[in-house]
């Protein structure tokens, strides 16, 4: 299997909304974003799929060495072999890849975030930097587009946090800020057990959890609006793939906001056909 085939399979197998936006790109840009996205998936899978923290740490250390070795001209992993020939063309720097690894390192070292500022720092590493690289690949021409890309990355990651509350709980993780849980009187143990404790008032828990999640969803929706307002008009056409992803993710967020209790017991998602339709609508009509 060639490195290009490997990253294509990695990206397609993820089922991510991002993949649908890649389909509309010219071949070389599509190859670059697919390889970069495959890198992000590889590193993220270290934390999500390796249960032993020591083994996960060893793997992250290996990726740090592989990134350094790749930028020295000797990539060994198929993802890096696919990415490096395009890295200079699209200004994908070593610091970008190391930031993604740093974000996954945070997942190994902590499973709680005290406040929104701490959560934002994590989001900056695992999503803001990804947005910055993606904007470059898509064809950024304006400096201000970087700020848009970081804000949109934050919106995407906040959506992931909201969508994955129940799934993250099964791994002992809570990304919702601790001080916000306290504000809405939602206990960490309630999230970890994905509902009210046996013998307690289920309706009361649901009321408190709904209030918390309505707050989270409203903030994430505002973040999309803030990001879109930052996109310079001169780059709007080039950044259509990001706008496609925004359309898909914002639609998903609105579905969750309609019934936030679902995230405790299932992974809310859109059908592949609906994702493709939302992406095509942005491509063809130029609006979300």
C-alpha atoms as a PDB file:
ATOM      1  CA  UNK A   1       0.000   0.000   0.000  1.00  0.00           C
ATOM      2  CA  UNK A   2       1.386   3.404  -0.939  1.00  0.00           C
ATOM      3  CA  UNK A   3       1.580   6.240   1.632  1.00  0.00           C
ATOM      4  CA  UNK A   4      -1.129   8.061  -0.343  1.00  0.00           C
ATOM      5  CA  UNK A   5      -3.445   5.038  -0.191  1.00  0.00           C
ATOM      6  CA  UNK A   6      -2.740   4.674   3.532  1.00  0.00           C
ATOM      7  CA  UNK A   7      -3.735   8.237   4.425  1.00  0.00           C
ATOM      8  CA  UNK A   8      -6.772   8.061   2.159  1.00  0.00           C
ATOM      9  CA  UNK A   9      -8.003   4.960   3.962  1.00  0.00           C
ATOM     10  CA  UNK A  10      -7.248   6.488   7.363  1.00  0.00           C
ATOM     11  CA  UNK A  11      -9.235   9.621   6.573  1.00  0.00           C
ATOM     12  CA  UNK A  12     -12.173   7.796   4.983  1.00  0.00           C
ATOM     13  CA  UNK A  13     -12.394   5.187   7.757  1.00  0.00           C
ATOM     14  CA  UNK A  14     -12.784   7.861  10.422  1.00  0.00           C
ATOM     15  CA  UNK A  15     -16.227   8.805   9.091  1.00  0.00           C
ATOM     16  CA  UNK A  16     -15.456  12.380  10.055  1.00  0.00           C
ATOM     17  CA  UNK A  17     -17.385  15.351   8.747  1.00  0.00           C
ATOM     18  CA  UNK A  18     -14.047  16.786   7.638  1.00  0.00           C
ATOM     19  CA  UNK A  19     -13.675  14.121   4.981  1.00  0.00           C
ATOM     20  CA  UNK A  20     -16.719  15.379   3.084  1.00  0.00           C
ATOM     21  CA  UNK A  21     -15.201  18.834   2.704  1.00  0.00           C
ATOM     22  CA  UNK A  22     -11.985  17.347   1.300  1.00  0.00           C
ATOM     23  CA  UNK A  23     -13.863  15.843  -1.647  1.00  0.00           C
ATOM     24  CA  UNK A  24     -14.347  19.244  -3.301  1.00  0.00           C
ATOM     25  CA  UNK A  25     -10.677  20.288  -3.235  1.00  0.00           C
ATOM     26  CA  UNK A  26      -8.237  20.188  -6.169  1.00  0.00           C
ATOM     27  CA  UNK A  27      -6.096  17.042  -6.148  1.00  0.00           C
ATOM     28  CA  UNK A  28      -2.906  18.395  -4.565  1.00  0.00           C
ATOM     29  CA  UNK A  29      -4.685  20.364  -1.842  1.00  0.00           C
ATOM     30  CA  UNK A  30      -6.862  17.316  -1.153  1.00  0.00           C
ATOM     31  CA  UNK A  31      -3.729  15.171  -0.846  1.00  0.00           C
ATOM     32  CA  UNK A  32      -2.200  17.637   1.629  1.00  0.00           C
ATOM     33  CA  UNK A  33      -5.228  17.959   3.902  1.00  0.00           C
ATOM     34  CA  UNK A  34      -5.856  14.207   3.797  1.00  0.00           C
ATOM     35  CA  UNK A  35      -2.272  13.479   4.867  1.00  0.00           C
ATOM     36  CA  UNK A  36      -2.400  16.101   7.615  1.00  0.00           C
ATOM     37  CA  UNK A  37      -5.756  14.842   8.855  1.00  0.00           C
ATOM     38  CA  UNK A  38      -4.413  11.266   8.871  1.00  0.00           C
ATOM     39  CA  UNK A  39      -1.525  12.472  11.047  1.00  0.00           C
ATOM     40  CA  UNK A  40      -3.999  14.017  13.506  1.00  0.00           C
ATOM     41  CA  UNK A  41      -5.994  10.764  13.588  1.00  0.00           C
ATOM     42  CA  UNK A  42      -2.874   8.663  14.214  1.00  0.00           C
ATOM     43  CA  UNK A  43      -1.795  10.792  17.164  1.00  0.00           C
ATOM     44  CA  UNK A  44      -5.309  11.090  18.589  1.00  0.00           C
ATOM     45  CA  UNK A  45      -5.784   7.322  18.389  1.00  0.00           C
ATOM     46  CA  UNK A  46      -2.764   6.859  20.662  1.00  0.00           C
ATOM     47  CA  UNK A  47      -4.721   8.390  23.527  1.00  0.00           C
ATOM     48  CA  UNK A  48      -8.162   7.054  22.640  1.00  0.00           C
ATOM     49  CA  UNK A  49      -7.241   3.467  21.798  1.00  0.00           C
ATOM     50  CA  UNK A  50      -4.262   2.666  24.052  1.00  0.00           C
ATOM     51  CA  UNK A  51      -5.473   1.863  27.563  1.00  0.00           C
ATOM     52  CA  UNK A  52      -2.045   1.714  29.235  1.00  0.00           C
ATOM     53  CA  UNK A  53      -0.794   5.299  29.867  1.00  0.00           C
ATOM     54  CA  UNK A  54       2.845   4.163  29.805  1.00  0.00           C
ATOM     55  CA  UNK A  55       2.419   2.591  26.382  1.00  0.00           C
ATOM     56  CA  UNK A  56       0.536   5.668  25.143  1.00  0.00           C
ATOM     57  CA  UNK A  57       3.345   7.929  26.376  1.00  0.00           C
ATOM     58  CA  UNK A  58       5.911   5.771  24.582  1.00  0.00           C
ATOM     59  CA  UNK A  59       3.928   6.061  21.368  1.00  0.00           C
ATOM     60  CA  UNK A  60       3.613   9.858  21.659  1.00  0.00           C
ATOM     61  CA  UNK A  61       7.367  10.066  22.246  1.00  0.00           C
ATOM     62  CA  UNK A  62       7.851   7.989  19.100  1.00  0.00           C
ATOM     63  CA  UNK A  63       5.699  10.414  17.114  1.00  0.00           C
ATOM     64  CA  UNK A  64       7.739  13.366  18.365  1.00  0.00           C
ATOM     65  CA  UNK A  65      10.901  11.663  17.106  1.00  0.00           C
ATOM     66  CA  UNK A  66       9.193  10.755  13.826  1.00  0.00           C
ATOM     67  CA  UNK A  67       8.187  14.389  13.250  1.00  0.00           C
ATOM     68  CA  UNK A  68      11.738  15.605  13.906  1.00  0.00           C
ATOM     69  CA  UNK A  69      13.178  12.876  11.704  1.00  0.00           C
ATOM     70  CA  UNK A  70      10.704  13.668   8.932  1.00  0.00           C
ATOM     71  CA  UNK A  71      11.598  17.350   8.864  1.00  0.00           C
ATOM     72  CA  UNK A  72      15.228  16.245   8.719  1.00  0.00           C
ATOM     73  CA  UNK A  73      14.360  14.447   5.502  1.00  0.00           C
ATOM     74  CA  UNK A  74      13.876  10.860   6.739  1.00  0.00           C
ATOM     75  CA  UNK A  75      10.170  10.057   7.268  1.00  0.00           C
ATOM     76  CA  UNK A  76       9.497   6.396   8.103  1.00  0.00           C
ATOM     77  CA  UNK A  77       5.739   6.302   8.753  1.00  0.00           C
ATOM     78  CA  UNK A  78       3.453   6.294   5.685  1.00  0.00           C
ATOM     79  CA  UNK A  79       1.555   9.310   7.022  1.00  0.00           C
ATOM     80  CA  UNK A  80       4.731  11.364   7.164  1.00  0.00           C
ATOM     81  CA  UNK A  81       5.885  10.002   3.806  1.00  0.00           C
ATOM     82  CA  UNK A  82       2.629  11.285   2.304  1.00  0.00           C
ATOM     83  CA  UNK A  83       2.723  14.622   4.126  1.00  0.00           C
ATOM     84  CA  UNK A  84       6.322  15.762   3.825  1.00  0.00           C
ATOM     85  CA  UNK A  85       6.448  16.281   0.010  1.00  0.00           C
ATOM     86  CA  UNK A  86       3.596  18.806   0.451  1.00  0.00           C
ATOM     87  CA  UNK A  87       4.612  20.410   3.756  1.00  0.00           C
ATOM     88  CA  UNK A  88       6.769  23.149   2.262  1.00  0.00           C
ATOM     89  CA  UNK A  89       4.236  24.019  -0.446  1.00  0.00           C
ATOM     90  CA  UNK A  90       1.508  24.653   2.143  1.00  0.00           C
ATOM     91  CA  UNK A  91       3.748  25.960   4.951  1.00  0.00           C
ATOM     92  CA  UNK A  92       3.017  23.104   7.320  1.00  0.00           C
ATOM     93  CA  UNK A  93       5.636  23.583  10.024  1.00  0.00           C
ATOM     94  CA  UNK A  94       7.085  21.236  12.614  1.00  0.00           C
ATOM     95  CA  UNK A  95       5.527  23.369  15.357  1.00  0.00           C
ATOM     96  CA  UNK A  96       2.069  22.620  13.983  1.00  0.00           C
ATOM     97  CA  UNK A  97       2.547  18.858  14.247  1.00  0.00           C
ATOM     98  CA  UNK A  98       4.159  19.127  17.664  1.00  0.00           C
ATOM     99  CA  UNK A  99       1.220  21.210  18.894  1.00  0.00           C
ATOM    100  CA  UNK A 100      -1.163  18.399  17.950  1.00  0.00           C
ATOM    101  CA  UNK A 101       1.019  15.973  19.905  1.00  0.00           C
ATOM    102  CA  UNK A 102       1.092  18.417  22.847  1.00  0.00           C
ATOM    103  CA  UNK A 103      -2.708  18.443  22.871  1.00  0.00           C
ATOM    104  CA  UNK A 104      -2.829  14.667  23.047  1.00  0.00           C
ATOM    105  CA  UNK A 105      -0.191  14.819  25.788  1.00  0.00           C
ATOM    106  CA  UNK A 106      -2.656  16.890  27.800  1.00  0.00           C
ATOM    107  CA  UNK A 107      -5.164  14.061  27.465  1.00  0.00           C
ATOM    108  CA  UNK A 108      -2.651  11.727  29.099  1.00  0.00           C
ATOM    109  CA  UNK A 109      -1.890  14.108  31.928  1.00  0.00           C
ATOM    110  CA  UNK A 110      -5.338  15.397  32.902  1.00  0.00           C
ATOM    111  CA  UNK A 111      -8.977  14.416  32.626  1.00  0.00           C
ATOM    112  CA  UNK A 112     -10.548  17.554  34.099  1.00  0.00           C
ATOM    113  CA  UNK A 113     -10.441  21.259  33.165  1.00  0.00           C
ATOM    114  CA  UNK A 114     -10.969  23.741  35.970  1.00  0.00           C
ATOM    115  CA  UNK A 115     -12.381  26.556  33.864  1.00  0.00           C
ATOM    116  CA  UNK A 116     -13.052  27.616  30.290  1.00  0.00           C
ATOM    117  CA  UNK A 117      -9.626  29.256  29.943  1.00  0.00           C
ATOM    118  CA  UNK A 118      -7.963  25.891  30.584  1.00  0.00           C
ATOM    119  CA  UNK A 119     -10.291  24.145  28.152  1.00  0.00           C
ATOM    120  CA  UNK A 120      -9.530  26.796  25.520  1.00  0.00           C
ATOM    121  CA  UNK A 121      -5.800  26.089  25.829  1.00  0.00           C
ATOM    122  CA  UNK A 122      -6.458  22.431  25.113  1.00  0.00           C
ATOM    123  CA  UNK A 123      -8.746  23.311  22.188  1.00  0.00           C
ATOM    124  CA  UNK A 124      -6.068  25.600  20.762  1.00  0.00           C
ATOM    125  CA  UNK A 125      -3.645  22.679  20.519  1.00  0.00           C
ATOM    126  CA  UNK A 126      -5.955  19.969  19.213  1.00  0.00           C
ATOM    127  CA  UNK A 127      -8.200  22.126  17.012  1.00  0.00           C
ATOM    128  CA  UNK A 128      -7.008  25.731  16.646  1.00  0.00           C
ATOM    129  CA  UNK A 129      -3.673  24.724  15.173  1.00  0.00           C
ATOM    130  CA  UNK A 130      -5.442  22.196  12.952  1.00  0.00           C
ATOM    131  CA  UNK A 131      -7.636  25.025  11.670  1.00  0.00           C
ATOM    132  CA  UNK A 132      -4.561  27.144  10.990  1.00  0.00           C
ATOM    133  CA  UNK A 133      -2.929  24.411   8.894  1.00  0.00           C
ATOM    134  CA  UNK A 134      -6.173  23.662   7.071  1.00  0.00           C
ATOM    135  CA  UNK A 135      -6.638  27.342   6.169  1.00  0.00           C
ATOM    136  CA  UNK A 136      -3.151  27.405   4.644  1.00  0.00           C
ATOM    137  CA  UNK A 137      -3.843  24.294   2.603  1.00  0.00           C
ATOM    138  CA  UNK A 138      -7.203  25.628   1.413  1.00  0.00           C
ATOM    139  CA  UNK A 139      -5.482  28.723  -0.006  1.00  0.00           C
ATOM    140  CA  UNK A 140      -5.313  31.446   2.639  1.00  0.00           C
ATOM    141  CA  UNK A 141      -4.143  34.834   1.333  1.00  0.00           C
ATOM    142  CA  UNK A 142      -5.071  37.147   4.240  1.00  0.00           C
ATOM    143  CA  UNK A 143      -3.296  37.234   7.608  1.00  0.00           C
ATOM    144  CA  UNK A 144      -6.636  37.767   9.376  1.00  0.00           C
ATOM    145  CA  UNK A 145      -7.816  34.368   8.140  1.00  0.00           C
ATOM    146  CA  UNK A 146      -5.598  32.723  10.760  1.00  0.00           C
ATOM    147  CA  UNK A 147      -7.671  34.262  13.552  1.00  0.00           C
ATOM    148  CA  UNK A 148     -10.837  33.008  11.838  1.00  0.00           C
ATOM    149  CA  UNK A 149      -9.329  29.523  11.548  1.00  0.00           C
ATOM    150  CA  UNK A 150      -8.427  29.381  15.238  1.00  0.00           C
ATOM    151  CA  UNK A 151     -11.897  30.549  16.262  1.00  0.00           C
ATOM    152  CA  UNK A 152     -13.560  28.024  13.983  1.00  0.00           C
ATOM    153  CA  UNK A 153     -11.317  25.286  15.364  1.00  0.00           C
ATOM    154  CA  UNK A 154     -12.497  26.237  18.853  1.00  0.00           C
ATOM    155  CA  UNK A 155     -16.127  25.975  17.717  1.00  0.00           C
ATOM    156  CA  UNK A 156     -15.475  22.517  16.242  1.00  0.00           C
ATOM    157  CA  UNK A 157     -13.813  21.270  19.418  1.00  0.00           C
ATOM    158  CA  UNK A 158     -16.542  22.664  21.672  1.00  0.00           C
ATOM    159  CA  UNK A 159     -19.014  20.750  19.512  1.00  0.00           C
ATOM    160  CA  UNK A 160     -16.951  17.587  19.974  1.00  0.00           C
ATOM    161  CA  UNK A 161     -16.877  18.117  23.741  1.00  0.00           C
ATOM    162  CA  UNK A 162     -20.654  18.479  23.828  1.00  0.00           C
ATOM    163  CA  UNK A 163     -21.275  15.506  21.529  1.00  0.00           C
ATOM    164  CA  UNK A 164     -18.901  13.218  23.431  1.00  0.00           C
ATOM    165  CA  UNK A 165     -19.953  13.849  27.044  1.00  0.00           C
ATOM    166  CA  UNK A 166     -21.179  10.273  27.512  1.00  0.00           C
ATOM    167  CA  UNK A 167     -18.426   8.657  25.453  1.00  0.00           C
ATOM    168  CA  UNK A 168     -15.709  10.571  27.296  1.00  0.00           C
ATOM    169  CA  UNK A 169     -17.274   9.559  30.622  1.00  0.00           C
ATOM    170  CA  UNK A 170     -16.634   5.905  29.795  1.00  0.00           C
ATOM    171  CA  UNK A 171     -12.916   6.806  29.671  1.00  0.00           C
ATOM    172  CA  UNK A 172     -13.100   8.734  32.948  1.00  0.00           C
ATOM    173  CA  UNK A 173     -12.795  12.092  31.205  1.00  0.00           C
ATOM    174  CA  UNK A 174     -14.839  15.240  31.732  1.00  0.00           C
ATOM    175  CA  UNK A 175     -14.009  18.156  29.442  1.00  0.00           C
ATOM    176  CA  UNK A 176     -16.831  20.424  30.616  1.00  0.00           C
ATOM    177  CA  UNK A 177     -15.160  22.968  32.946  1.00  0.00           C
ATOM    178  CA  UNK A 178     -15.392  22.106  36.644  1.00  0.00           C
ATOM    179  CA  UNK A 179     -16.503  25.599  37.660  1.00  0.00           C
ATOM    180  CA  UNK A 180     -19.367  25.406  35.166  1.00  0.00           C
ATOM    181  CA  UNK A 181     -20.472  22.031  36.524  1.00  0.00           C
ATOM    182  CA  UNK A 182     -20.555  23.675  39.931  1.00  0.00           C
ATOM    183  CA  UNK A 183     -22.554  26.631  38.632  1.00  0.00           C
ATOM    184  CA  UNK A 184     -25.282  24.285  37.392  1.00  0.00           C
ATOM    185  CA  UNK A 185     -24.945  21.921  40.371  1.00  0.00           C
ATOM    186  CA  UNK A 186     -24.066  18.937  38.182  1.00  0.00           C
ATOM    187  CA  UNK A 187     -21.762  16.488  39.950  1.00  0.00           C
ATOM    188  CA  UNK A 188     -18.793  14.836  38.281  1.00  0.00           C
ATOM    189  CA  UNK A 189     -19.927  11.401  39.458  1.00  0.00           C
ATOM    190  CA  UNK A 190     -23.279  11.941  37.718  1.00  0.00           C
ATOM    191  CA  UNK A 191     -21.532  12.514  34.412  1.00  0.00           C
ATOM    192  CA  UNK A 192     -19.192   9.569  34.919  1.00  0.00           C
ATOM    193  CA  UNK A 193     -22.144   7.243  35.507  1.00  0.00           C
ATOM    194  CA  UNK A 194     -24.009   8.992  32.669  1.00  0.00           C
ATOM    195  CA  UNK A 195     -27.069   9.843  34.691  1.00  0.00           C
ATOM    196  CA  UNK A 196     -28.626  10.192  38.110  1.00  0.00           C
ATOM    197  CA  UNK A 197     -27.367   7.878  40.838  1.00  0.00           C
ATOM    198  CA  UNK A 198     -29.699   4.962  41.717  1.00  0.00           C
ATOM    199  CA  UNK A 199     -32.329   6.054  44.199  1.00  0.00           C
ATOM    200  CA  UNK A 200     -31.950   9.760  43.435  1.00  0.00           C
ATOM    201  CA  UNK A 201     -34.328  12.138  41.672  1.00  0.00           C
ATOM    202  CA  UNK A 202     -33.875  11.470  37.930  1.00  0.00           C
ATOM    203  CA  UNK A 203     -36.021  14.437  36.921  1.00  0.00           C
ATOM    204  CA  UNK A 204     -33.921  16.765  39.060  1.00  0.00           C
ATOM    205  CA  UNK A 205     -30.690  15.535  37.464  1.00  0.00           C
ATOM    206  CA  UNK A 206     -32.138  15.939  33.985  1.00  0.00           C
ATOM    207  CA  UNK A 207     -33.228  19.503  34.749  1.00  0.00           C
ATOM    208  CA  UNK A 208     -29.746  20.445  35.990  1.00  0.00           C
ATOM    209  CA  UNK A 209     -27.982  18.656  33.124  1.00  0.00           C
ATOM    210  CA  UNK A 210     -30.227  20.270  30.504  1.00  0.00           C
ATOM    211  CA  UNK A 211     -29.478  23.727  31.893  1.00  0.00           C
ATOM    212  CA  UNK A 212     -25.745  22.989  31.782  1.00  0.00           C
ATOM    213  CA  UNK A 213     -25.880  21.705  28.220  1.00  0.00           C
ATOM    214  CA  UNK A 214     -28.056  24.561  26.984  1.00  0.00           C
ATOM    215  CA  UNK A 215     -25.347  26.898  28.261  1.00  0.00           C
ATOM    216  CA  UNK A 216     -22.633  24.861  26.499  1.00  0.00           C
ATOM    217  CA  UNK A 217     -24.550  24.708  23.214  1.00  0.00           C
ATOM    218  CA  UNK A 218     -25.336  28.437  23.231  1.00  0.00           C
ATOM    219  CA  UNK A 219     -21.671  29.316  23.727  1.00  0.00           C
ATOM    220  CA  UNK A 220     -20.551  26.956  20.958  1.00  0.00           C
ATOM    221  CA  UNK A 221     -23.133  28.394  18.548  1.00  0.00           C
ATOM    222  CA  UNK A 222     -21.920  31.917  19.349  1.00  0.00           C
ATOM    223  CA  UNK A 223     -18.375  30.783  18.631  1.00  0.00           C
ATOM    224  CA  UNK A 224     -19.377  29.731  15.106  1.00  0.00           C
ATOM    225  CA  UNK A 225     -20.917  33.164  14.547  1.00  0.00           C
ATOM    226  CA  UNK A 226     -17.782  34.866  15.878  1.00  0.00           C
ATOM    227  CA  UNK A 227     -15.541  32.762  13.627  1.00  0.00           C
ATOM    228  CA  UNK A 228     -17.548  33.419  10.484  1.00  0.00           C
ATOM    229  CA  UNK A 229     -17.536  37.145  11.190  1.00  0.00           C
ATOM    230  CA  UNK A 230     -13.716  37.049  11.265  1.00  0.00           C
ATOM    231  CA  UNK A 231     -13.307  35.512   7.797  1.00  0.00           C
ATOM    232  CA  UNK A 232     -12.038  38.167   5.333  1.00  0.00           C
ATOM    233  CA  UNK A 233     -14.206  38.458   2.226  1.00  0.00           C
ATOM    234  CA  UNK A 234     -11.124  38.019   0.032  1.00  0.00           C
ATOM    235  CA  UNK A 235     -10.578  34.511   1.412  1.00  0.00           C
ATOM    236  CA  UNK A 236     -14.168  33.354   1.612  1.00  0.00           C
ATOM    237  CA  UNK A 237     -14.054  31.457  -1.682  1.00  0.00           C
ATOM    238  CA  UNK A 238     -10.778  29.691  -0.884  1.00  0.00           C
ATOM    239  CA  UNK A 239     -12.003  28.754   2.589  1.00  0.00           C
ATOM    240  CA  UNK A 240     -15.147  27.010   1.343  1.00  0.00           C
ATOM    241  CA  UNK A 241     -14.010  23.622   2.729  1.00  0.00           C
ATOM    242  CA  UNK A 242     -13.894  25.120   6.216  1.00  0.00           C
ATOM    243  CA  UNK A 243     -17.333  26.624   5.677  1.00  0.00           C
ATOM    244  CA  UNK A 244     -18.604  23.180   4.625  1.00  0.00           C
ATOM    245  CA  UNK A 245     -17.304  21.719   7.870  1.00  0.00           C
ATOM    246  CA  UNK A 246     -18.883  24.586   9.784  1.00  0.00           C
ATOM    247  CA  UNK A 247     -22.241  23.875   8.152  1.00  0.00           C
ATOM    248  CA  UNK A 248     -22.056  20.191   9.057  1.00  0.00           C
ATOM    249  CA  UNK A 249     -20.831  20.718  12.609  1.00  0.00           C
ATOM    250  CA  UNK A 250     -23.222  23.566  13.372  1.00  0.00           C
ATOM    251  CA  UNK A 251     -26.141  21.482  12.108  1.00  0.00           C
ATOM    252  CA  UNK A 252     -25.027  18.640  14.370  1.00  0.00           C
ATOM    253  CA  UNK A 253     -24.780  21.032  17.312  1.00  0.00           C
ATOM    254  CA  UNK A 254     -28.307  22.307  16.724  1.00  0.00           C
ATOM    255  CA  UNK A 255     -29.594  18.717  16.718  1.00  0.00           C
ATOM    256  CA  UNK A 256     -27.902  18.080  20.063  1.00  0.00           C
ATOM    257  CA  UNK A 257     -29.259  21.353  21.466  1.00  0.00           C
ATOM    258  CA  UNK A 258     -32.776  20.129  20.672  1.00  0.00           C
ATOM    259  CA  UNK A 259     -32.307  17.112  22.990  1.00  0.00           C
ATOM    260  CA  UNK A 260     -29.059  17.280  25.004  1.00  0.00           C
ATOM    261  CA  UNK A 261     -29.902  14.219  27.102  1.00  0.00           C
ATOM    262  CA  UNK A 262     -29.034  12.051  24.100  1.00  0.00           C
ATOM    263  CA  UNK A 263     -25.297  12.683  24.510  1.00  0.00           C
ATOM    264  CA  UNK A 264     -25.282  10.718  27.767  1.00  0.00           C
ATOM    265  CA  UNK A 265     -26.264   7.469  26.095  1.00  0.00           C
ATOM    266  CA  UNK A 266     -25.357   7.706  22.406  1.00  0.00           C
ATOM    267  CA  UNK A 267     -23.134   9.428  19.869  1.00  0.00           C
ATOM    268  CA  UNK A 268     -25.342  11.859  17.995  1.00  0.00           C
ATOM    269  CA  UNK A 269     -24.385  12.074  14.318  1.00  0.00           C
ATOM    270  CA  UNK A 270     -25.636  13.066  10.891  1.00  0.00           C
ATOM    271  CA  UNK A 271     -26.017  10.547   8.088  1.00  0.00           C
ATOM    272  CA  UNK A 272     -23.304  10.470   5.393  1.00  0.00           C
ATOM    273  CA  UNK A 273     -25.866  11.613   2.831  1.00  0.00           C
ATOM    274  CA  UNK A 274     -26.847  14.596   4.940  1.00  0.00           C
ATOM    275  CA  UNK A 275     -23.204  15.564   5.476  1.00  0.00           C
ATOM    276  CA  UNK A 276     -22.573  15.388   1.751  1.00  0.00           C
ATOM    277  CA  UNK A 277     -25.684  17.476   1.049  1.00  0.00           C
ATOM    278  CA  UNK A 278     -24.625  20.174   3.526  1.00  0.00           C
ATOM    279  CA  UNK A 279     -21.128  20.261   2.033  1.00  0.00           C
ATOM    280  CA  UNK A 280     -22.443  20.388  -1.531  1.00  0.00           C
ATOM    281  CA  UNK A 281     -24.841  23.213  -0.656  1.00  0.00           C
ATOM    282  CA  UNK A 282     -21.942  25.388   0.521  1.00  0.00           C
ATOM    283  CA  UNK A 283     -19.907  24.466  -2.563  1.00  0.00           C
ATOM    284  CA  UNK A 284     -22.734  25.161  -5.001  1.00  0.00           C
ATOM    285  CA  UNK A 285     -24.561  28.029  -3.342  1.00  0.00           C
ATOM    286  CA  UNK A 286     -21.815  29.563  -1.232  1.00  0.00           C
ATOM    287  CA  UNK A 287     -23.836  29.731   1.960  1.00  0.00           C
ATOM    288  CA  UNK A 288     -24.217  27.726   5.136  1.00  0.00           C
END
